[in-house]
C-alpha atoms as a PDB file:
ATOM      1  CA  UNK A   1      18.684  33.830 -13.386  1.00  0.00           C
ATOM      2  CA  UNK A   2      17.010  30.009 -13.355  1.00  0.00           C
ATOM      3  CA  UNK A   3      18.707  27.404 -11.477  1.00  0.00           C
ATOM      4  CA  UNK A   4      19.620  23.924 -12.843  1.00  0.00           C
ATOM      5  CA  UNK A   5      17.602  21.328 -10.717  1.00  0.00           C
ATOM      6  CA  UNK A   6      20.799  19.804  -9.857  1.00  0.00           C
ATOM      7  CA  UNK A   7      21.404  22.930  -8.197  1.00  0.00           C
ATOM      8  CA  UNK A   8      18.416  23.509  -6.726  1.00  0.00           C
ATOM      9  CA  UNK A   9      19.082  20.131  -5.025  1.00  0.00           C
ATOM     10  CA  UNK A  10      22.283  20.711  -3.514  1.00  0.00           C
ATOM     11  CA  UNK A  11      21.490  24.062  -2.111  1.00  0.00           C
ATOM     12  CA  UNK A  12      18.671  22.349   0.081  1.00  0.00           C
ATOM     13  CA  UNK A  13      20.841  19.950   1.263  1.00  0.00           C
ATOM     14  CA  UNK A  14      22.921  22.561   2.384  1.00  0.00           C
ATOM     15  CA  UNK A  15      20.126  23.962   4.306  1.00  0.00           C
ATOM     16  CA  UNK A  16      19.074  20.784   5.977  1.00  0.00           C
ATOM     17  CA  UNK A  17      20.756  19.979   9.183  1.00  0.00           C
ATOM     18  CA  UNK A  18      22.355  16.309  10.123  1.00  0.00           C
ATOM     19  CA  UNK A  19      19.050  14.731  11.367  1.00  0.00           C
ATOM     20  CA  UNK A  20      17.350  16.038   8.395  1.00  0.00           C
ATOM     21  CA  UNK A  21      19.706  14.834   5.952  1.00  0.00           C
ATOM     22  CA  UNK A  22      19.509  11.005   7.507  1.00  0.00           C
ATOM     23  CA  UNK A  23      15.748  11.316   6.998  1.00  0.00           C
ATOM     24  CA  UNK A  24      16.326  11.968   3.142  1.00  0.00           C
ATOM     25  CA  UNK A  25      18.830   9.377   3.272  1.00  0.00           C
ATOM     26  CA  UNK A  26      16.761   6.757   4.456  1.00  0.00           C
ATOM     27  CA  UNK A  27      13.643   7.675   2.345  1.00  0.00           C
ATOM     28  CA  UNK A  28      15.998   7.590  -0.981  1.00  0.00           C
ATOM     29  CA  UNK A  29      17.520   3.790   0.002  1.00  0.00           C
ATOM     30  CA  UNK A  30      13.894   3.151   0.532  1.00  0.00           C
ATOM     31  CA  UNK A  31      12.332   3.851  -2.357  1.00  0.00           C
ATOM     32  CA  UNK A  32      15.596   2.313  -4.142  1.00  0.00           C
ATOM     33  CA  UNK A  33      15.371  -1.332  -2.332  1.00  0.00           C
ATOM     34  CA  UNK A  34      11.426  -1.747  -2.717  1.00  0.00           C
ATOM     35  CA  UNK A  35      10.502  -5.098  -3.539  1.00  0.00           C
ATOM     36  CA  UNK A  36       9.810  -5.995  -6.870  1.00  0.00           C
ATOM     37  CA  UNK A  37       6.877  -4.521  -8.676  1.00  0.00           C
ATOM     38  CA  UNK A  38       3.492  -6.248  -8.895  1.00  0.00           C
ATOM     39  CA  UNK A  39       2.914  -8.072 -12.558  1.00  0.00           C
ATOM     40  CA  UNK A  40       0.197  -5.475 -13.024  1.00  0.00           C
ATOM     41  CA  UNK A  41       2.239  -2.602 -12.991  1.00  0.00           C
ATOM     42  CA  UNK A  42       5.071  -4.114 -15.027  1.00  0.00           C
ATOM     43  CA  UNK A  43       2.205  -4.920 -17.672  1.00  0.00           C
ATOM     44  CA  UNK A  44       0.609  -1.398 -17.364  1.00  0.00           C
ATOM     45  CA  UNK A  45       4.890  -0.154 -17.934  1.00  0.00           C
ATOM     46  CA  UNK A  46       4.832  -2.287 -21.219  1.00  0.00           C
ATOM     47  CA  UNK A  47       1.451  -1.155 -22.577  1.00  0.00           C
ATOM     48  CA  UNK A  48       2.338   2.681 -22.094  1.00  0.00           C
ATOM     49  CA  UNK A  49       5.812   2.130 -23.208  1.00  0.00           C
ATOM     50  CA  UNK A  50       4.200   0.696 -26.763  1.00  0.00           C
ATOM     51  CA  UNK A  51       1.737   3.483 -26.783  1.00  0.00           C
ATOM     52  CA  UNK A  52       4.889   6.181 -26.770  1.00  0.00           C
ATOM     53  CA  UNK A  53       6.481   4.101 -29.516  1.00  0.00           C
ATOM     54  CA  UNK A  54       3.902   4.279 -32.008  1.00  0.00           C
ATOM     55  CA  UNK A  55       3.156   7.999 -30.913  1.00  0.00           C
ATOM     56  CA  UNK A  56       6.941   8.937 -31.854  1.00  0.00           C
ATOM     57  CA  UNK A  57       6.327   6.611 -34.556  1.00  0.00           C
ATOM     58  CA  UNK A  58       3.547   8.345 -35.758  1.00  0.00           C
ATOM     59  CA  UNK A  59       5.214  11.888 -35.627  1.00  0.00           C
ATOM     60  CA  UNK A  60       8.161  11.039 -37.177  1.00  0.00           C
ATOM     61  CA  UNK A  61       6.131  10.062 -39.975  1.00  0.00           C
ATOM     62  CA  UNK A  62       4.384  13.686 -39.746  1.00  0.00           C
ATOM     63  CA  UNK A  63       7.397  15.003 -39.733  1.00  0.00           C
ATOM     64  CA  UNK A  64       9.001  12.791 -42.776  1.00  0.00           C
ATOM     65  CA  UNK A  65       6.302  13.923 -45.313  1.00  0.00           C
ATOM     66  CA  UNK A  66       6.340  17.167 -44.367  1.00  0.00           C
ATOM     67  CA  UNK A  67       9.863  17.456 -44.526  1.00  0.00           C
ATOM     68  CA  UNK A  68       9.530  15.682 -48.485  1.00  0.00           C
ATOM     69  CA  UNK A  69       6.713  18.129 -49.362  1.00  0.00           C
END
């Protein structure tokens, strides 16, 4: 039986001791409170999202043409 990612995470947390849990929480807090990302990262993300939208539109157009045929 396959486990869901959520269940796997919960099982991993249950197997940890208190010190390990604190280290994981500290890491997560650090990731969530990182300073504002650079302008380059934002531009790269914006360009990537644009390309994803274009690809989705093209795929949707192909499916619509196939359905019409």
